[in-house]
Amino acid sequence: MAITASVTPGFTYSTGIELEPAGLNLLGTPTVTIDSISATSVRLENFTVSNAPSNGTAGRVIYVSDGDGGSPCLAVDNGSNWLRINLGSAVSATDADDYLLGE
């Protein structure tokens, strides 16, 4: 059974499936695809290296609190592995070229 809906912020959709263990199995594994997000922030679920989900679904992004040698990082699933995206310097209004010239 597939459930398809256009999502509107602040609106709740009903599936018609009762929320009890037998009914929840009918929902299957949800997949949410969002074309674009603007004027908002995104909060990723916090994982550690030891409790990160299994890899194998390319394109997923997670936050790993200890994934960069004990420091936080983002990771992207390439279908085979979680690849670390190192977090750089703090956000700044300084242009990157100006910053590099100043060092």
Protein backbone atom coordinates (compact mmCIF):
# COMPACT_ATOMS: atom_id res chain seq x y z
CA MET A 1 0.00 0.00 0.00
CA ALA A 2 1.44 3.38 -0.98
CA ILE A 3 0.48 6.61 0.73
CA THR A 4 1.05 9.77 -1.30
CA ALA A 5 0.37 13.30 -0.09
CA SER A 6 1.36 16.86 -0.82
CA VAL A 7 2.62 18.32 2.43
CA THR A 8 1.40 21.73 3.54
CA PRO A 9 3.01 23.21 6.70
CA GLY A 10 0.63 23.19 9.63
CA PHE A 11 -1.80 20.69 8.08
CA THR A 12 -2.29 17.13 9.35
CA TYR A 13 -3.12 14.34 6.90
CA SER A 14 -5.08 11.25 7.83
CA THR A 15 -4.17 7.82 6.44
CA GLY A 16 -7.32 6.08 7.63
CA ILE A 17 -5.18 3.42 9.33
CA GLU A 18 -5.74 2.88 13.03
CA LEU A 19 -2.68 3.55 15.16
CA GLU A 20 -2.29 0.17 16.78
CA PRO A 21 0.49 -2.38 16.17
CA ALA A 22 -1.37 -4.30 13.45
CA GLY A 23 -2.32 -1.08 11.63
CA LEU A 24 1.18 0.40 11.80
CA ASN A 25 2.56 -2.57 9.85
CA LEU A 26 0.31 -1.55 6.93
CA LEU A 27 2.13 1.77 6.60
CA GLY A 28 5.40 0.16 5.50
CA THR A 29 8.65 2.11 5.51
CA PRO A 30 7.99 5.82 4.95
CA THR A 31 10.04 7.73 2.38
CA VAL A 32 9.87 11.50 2.39
CA THR A 33 11.25 13.48 -0.56
CA ILE A 34 11.30 17.26 -0.38
CA ASP A 35 12.04 19.27 -3.54
CA SER A 36 13.29 22.34 -1.68
CA ILE A 37 13.38 23.91 1.75
CA SER A 38 13.62 27.66 2.21
CA ALA A 39 13.30 30.17 5.02
CA THR A 40 13.78 27.51 7.69
CA SER A 41 16.49 25.49 9.37
CA VAL A 42 16.78 21.72 9.29
CA ARG A 43 17.50 19.71 12.43
CA LEU A 44 19.08 16.34 11.77
CA GLU A 45 18.73 13.46 14.20
CA ASN A 46 21.85 13.09 16.36
CA PHE A 47 23.74 9.80 15.85
CA THR A 48 27.04 8.46 17.13
CA VAL A 49 29.35 6.21 15.11
CA SER A 50 28.09 3.22 17.09
CA ASN A 51 24.36 3.88 16.55
CA ALA A 52 24.35 5.30 12.99
CA PRO A 53 21.83 3.59 10.72
CA SER A 54 23.06 0.93 8.32
CA ASN A 55 24.42 2.32 5.08
CA GLY A 56 23.02 1.28 1.71
CA THR A 57 20.55 4.01 0.74
CA ALA A 58 22.50 6.57 -1.29
CA GLY A 59 21.73 10.23 -0.71
CA ARG A 60 20.87 10.23 3.00
CA VAL A 61 22.60 12.77 5.25
CA ILE A 62 23.02 12.40 9.02
CA TYR A 63 24.68 14.31 11.88
CA VAL A 64 27.28 12.22 13.74
CA SER A 65 28.33 13.71 17.09
CA ASP A 66 31.62 11.78 17.21
CA GLY A 67 32.23 10.86 13.55
CA ASP A 68 35.36 12.92 12.97
CA GLY A 69 37.78 11.34 15.43
CA GLY A 70 35.45 12.17 18.32
CA SER A 71 34.32 15.54 16.91
CA PRO A 72 30.99 16.20 15.20
CA CYS A 73 30.50 15.94 11.44
CA LEU A 74 27.89 15.32 8.81
CA ALA A 75 27.91 12.06 6.86
CA VAL A 76 26.42 11.13 3.51
CA ASP A 77 25.43 7.58 2.53
CA ASN A 78 26.91 6.76 -0.89
CA GLY A 79 25.14 3.40 -1.02
CA SER A 80 28.17 1.51 0.32
CA ASN A 81 29.52 3.59 3.23
CA TRP A 82 28.80 6.62 5.38
CA LEU A 83 31.27 9.25 4.13
CA ARG A 84 32.34 11.98 6.53
CA ILE A 85 31.76 15.63 5.63
CA ASN A 86 34.14 17.56 7.87
CA LEU A 87 32.78 20.68 9.50
CA GLY A 88 34.93 23.73 8.80
CA SER A 89 35.37 27.08 10.44
CA ALA A 90 32.60 28.91 12.24
CA VAL A 91 30.08 30.76 10.09
CA SER A 92 31.38 34.27 9.38
CA ALA A 93 30.43 37.35 7.40
CA THR A 94 34.06 37.53 6.24
CA ASP A 95 34.61 36.59 2.60
CA ALA A 96 36.67 33.39 2.30
CA ASP A 97 39.18 35.14 -0.01
CA ASP A 98 39.63 38.01 2.49
CA TYR A 99 40.06 35.49 5.31
CA LEU A 100 42.76 33.56 3.46
CA LEU A 101 44.63 36.76 2.54
CA GLY A 102 44.59 37.89 6.16
CA GLU A 103 46.42 34.82 7.43
